[in-house]
Amino acid sequence: MASRRIQVDRFKSKGRAQCEECGGPPRQWTRERARVHADLKRHTVRFVIEDTTIYSRKGSS
């Protein structure tokens, strides 16, 4: 079986923070900013980072 070249591209999005008590649209905070907000306000903050990997075969078959 011939080996085929696979290209791998990986992308991480900026973090998005969503405070359950404050509501509103997600904020582009850092993890530290989300942690400080949760600590000072005694709120629950959900912090999400998307990590996407794309695998594609390059060249002819």
N, C-alpha and C. Protein backbone atom coordinates (compact mmCIF):
# COMPACT_ATOMS: atom_id res chain seq x y z
N MET A 1 0.85 -1.18 0.00
CA MET A 1 0.00 0.00 0.00
C MET A 1 0.90 1.24 0.00
N ALA A 2 0.65 2.15 -0.93
CA ALA A 2 1.44 3.37 -1.04
C ALA A 2 1.06 4.34 0.08
N SER A 3 2.06 4.99 0.59
CA SER A 3 1.82 5.99 1.63
C SER A 3 1.36 7.29 0.99
N ARG A 4 0.33 7.88 1.55
CA ARG A 4 -0.18 9.15 1.02
C ARG A 4 0.13 10.26 2.02
N ARG A 5 0.36 11.41 1.47
CA ARG A 5 0.70 12.57 2.30
C ARG A 5 -0.59 13.17 2.87
N ILE A 6 -0.62 13.31 4.17
CA ILE A 6 -1.76 13.90 4.86
C ILE A 6 -1.32 15.23 5.45
N GLN A 7 -2.07 16.28 5.14
CA GLN A 7 -1.78 17.59 5.72
C GLN A 7 -2.67 17.78 6.95
N VAL A 8 -2.08 18.27 8.02
CA VAL A 8 -2.81 18.50 9.25
C VAL A 8 -2.74 19.99 9.58
N ASP A 9 -3.90 20.60 9.72
CA ASP A 9 -4.00 22.01 10.13
C ASP A 9 -4.79 22.07 11.42
N ARG A 10 -4.26 22.80 12.39
CA ARG A 10 -4.91 22.90 13.69
C ARG A 10 -5.12 24.36 14.05
N PHE A 11 -6.31 24.67 14.53
CA PHE A 11 -6.67 26.03 14.88
C PHE A 11 -7.32 26.05 16.27
N LYS A 12 -6.93 27.01 17.07
CA LYS A 12 -7.59 27.23 18.36
C LYS A 12 -8.20 28.62 18.32
N SER A 13 -9.46 28.69 18.74
CA SER A 13 -10.13 29.98 18.76
C SER A 13 -9.75 30.74 20.03
N LYS A 14 -10.02 32.03 20.03
CA LYS A 14 -9.87 32.80 21.27
C LYS A 14 -10.93 32.31 22.24
N GLY A 15 -10.65 32.43 23.51
CA GLY A 15 -11.60 31.98 24.51
C GLY A 15 -12.84 32.86 24.57
N ARG A 16 -13.97 32.21 24.87
CA ARG A 16 -15.22 32.93 25.08
C ARG A 16 -15.72 32.61 26.48
N ALA A 17 -16.09 33.64 27.21
CA ALA A 17 -16.60 33.46 28.56
C ALA A 17 -18.07 33.84 28.60
N GLN A 18 -18.87 33.03 29.27
CA GLN A 18 -20.30 33.30 29.43
C GLN A 18 -20.62 33.25 30.92
N CYS A 19 -21.00 34.42 31.47
CA CYS A 19 -21.37 34.47 32.89
C CYS A 19 -22.85 34.14 33.01
N GLU A 20 -23.17 33.13 33.81
CA GLU A 20 -24.56 32.71 33.98
C GLU A 20 -25.41 33.79 34.67
N GLU A 21 -24.83 34.52 35.60
CA GLU A 21 -25.61 35.52 36.33
C GLU A 21 -25.73 36.84 35.56
N CYS A 22 -24.68 37.27 34.88
CA CYS A 22 -24.72 38.54 34.15
C CYS A 22 -25.49 38.43 32.84
N GLY A 23 -25.47 37.25 32.23
CA GLY A 23 -26.14 37.05 30.95
C GLY A 23 -25.44 37.82 29.84
N GLY A 24 -26.18 38.08 28.76
CA GLY A 24 -25.62 38.80 27.64
C GLY A 24 -24.80 37.91 26.73
N PRO A 25 -24.24 38.51 25.69
CA PRO A 25 -23.45 37.72 24.73
C PRO A 25 -22.13 37.25 25.36
N PRO A 26 -21.54 36.18 24.81
CA PRO A 26 -20.24 35.73 25.31
C PRO A 26 -19.19 36.83 25.16
N ARG A 27 -18.28 36.88 26.13
CA ARG A 27 -17.22 37.89 26.13
C ARG A 27 -15.90 37.24 25.75
N GLN A 28 -15.05 37.96 25.06
CA GLN A 28 -13.73 37.43 24.72
C GLN A 28 -12.75 37.80 25.84
N TRP A 29 -12.84 37.05 26.92
CA TRP A 29 -11.96 37.22 28.06
C TRP A 29 -10.86 36.16 28.02
N THR A 30 -9.82 36.40 28.81
CA THR A 30 -8.82 35.35 29.03
C THR A 30 -9.34 34.45 30.15
N ARG A 31 -8.70 33.31 30.32
CA ARG A 31 -9.09 32.42 31.43
C ARG A 31 -8.95 33.14 32.77
N GLU A 32 -7.86 33.91 32.90
CA GLU A 32 -7.62 34.61 34.16
C GLU A 32 -8.71 35.65 34.42
N ARG A 33 -9.12 36.37 33.39
CA ARG A 33 -10.18 37.38 33.55
C ARG A 33 -11.49 36.72 33.97
N ALA A 34 -11.81 35.57 33.38
CA ALA A 34 -13.02 34.83 33.75
C ALA A 34 -12.93 34.35 35.20
N ARG A 35 -11.74 33.87 35.60
CA ARG A 35 -11.56 33.40 36.97
C ARG A 35 -11.73 34.52 37.98
N VAL A 36 -11.15 35.69 37.68
CA VAL A 36 -11.25 36.85 38.57
C VAL A 36 -12.71 37.30 38.69
N HIS A 37 -13.42 37.35 37.58
CA HIS A 37 -14.83 37.75 37.61
C HIS A 37 -15.63 36.80 38.51
N ALA A 38 -15.42 35.48 38.34
CA ALA A 38 -16.13 34.49 39.14
C ALA A 38 -15.79 34.65 40.62
N ASP A 39 -14.54 34.95 40.92
CA ASP A 39 -14.11 35.10 42.32
C ASP A 39 -14.68 36.37 42.94
N LEU A 40 -14.55 37.50 42.26
CA LEU A 40 -14.99 38.77 42.83
C LEU A 40 -16.51 38.88 42.94
N LYS A 41 -17.22 38.41 41.92
CA LYS A 41 -18.68 38.55 41.88
C LYS A 41 -19.41 37.34 42.45
N ARG A 42 -18.68 36.27 42.73
CA ARG A 42 -19.28 35.02 43.17
C ARG A 42 -20.26 34.49 42.12
N HIS A 43 -19.87 34.60 40.84
CA HIS A 43 -20.69 34.15 39.73
C HIS A 43 -20.11 32.86 39.15
N THR A 44 -20.89 32.21 38.31
CA THR A 44 -20.44 31.02 37.59
C THR A 44 -20.16 31.42 36.15
N VAL A 45 -18.92 31.22 35.71
CA VAL A 45 -18.52 31.60 34.37
C VAL A 45 -18.09 30.35 33.60
N ARG A 46 -18.68 30.17 32.44
CA ARG A 46 -18.31 29.07 31.55
C ARG A 46 -17.30 29.61 30.55
N PHE A 47 -16.14 28.95 30.42
CA PHE A 47 -15.08 29.40 29.52
C PHE A 47 -14.86 28.33 28.47
N VAL A 48 -14.96 28.69 27.18
CA VAL A 48 -14.89 27.72 26.09
C VAL A 48 -13.81 28.13 25.10
N ILE A 49 -12.98 27.16 24.70
CA ILE A 49 -12.01 27.34 23.62
C ILE A 49 -12.27 26.22 22.62
N GLU A 50 -12.47 26.58 21.35
CA GLU A 50 -12.65 25.57 20.31
C GLU A 50 -11.28 25.20 19.75
N ASP A 51 -11.06 23.91 19.60
CA ASP A 51 -9.82 23.37 19.05
C ASP A 51 -10.22 22.53 17.84
N THR A 52 -9.87 22.98 16.64
CA THR A 52 -10.27 22.32 15.41
C THR A 52 -9.05 21.76 14.69
N THR A 53 -9.14 20.51 14.26
CA THR A 53 -8.08 19.90 13.47
C THR A 53 -8.69 19.46 12.14
N ILE A 54 -8.02 19.84 11.03
CA ILE A 54 -8.47 19.47 9.70
C ILE A 54 -7.41 18.56 9.08
N TYR A 55 -7.82 17.37 8.65
CA TYR A 55 -6.94 16.43 7.98
C TYR A 55 -7.34 16.40 6.51
N SER A 56 -6.39 16.59 5.60
CA SER A 56 -6.71 16.54 4.18
C SER A 56 -5.59 15.82 3.43
N ARG A 57 -5.99 15.10 2.42
CA ARG A 57 -5.03 14.34 1.61
C ARG A 57 -4.59 15.23 0.45
N LYS A 58 -3.30 15.40 0.31
CA LYS A 58 -2.75 16.25 -0.74
C LYS A 58 -2.18 15.39 -1.86
N GLY A 59 -2.24 15.90 -3.09
CA GLY A 59 -1.69 15.19 -4.23
C GLY A 59 -2.71 14.31 -4.90
N SER A 60 -2.31 13.64 -5.95
CA SER A 60 -3.22 12.77 -6.69
C SER A 60 -3.21 11.37 -6.12
N SER A 61 -4.24 10.60 -6.48
CA SER A 61 -4.34 9.23 -5.95
C SER A 61 -3.52 8.25 -6.72
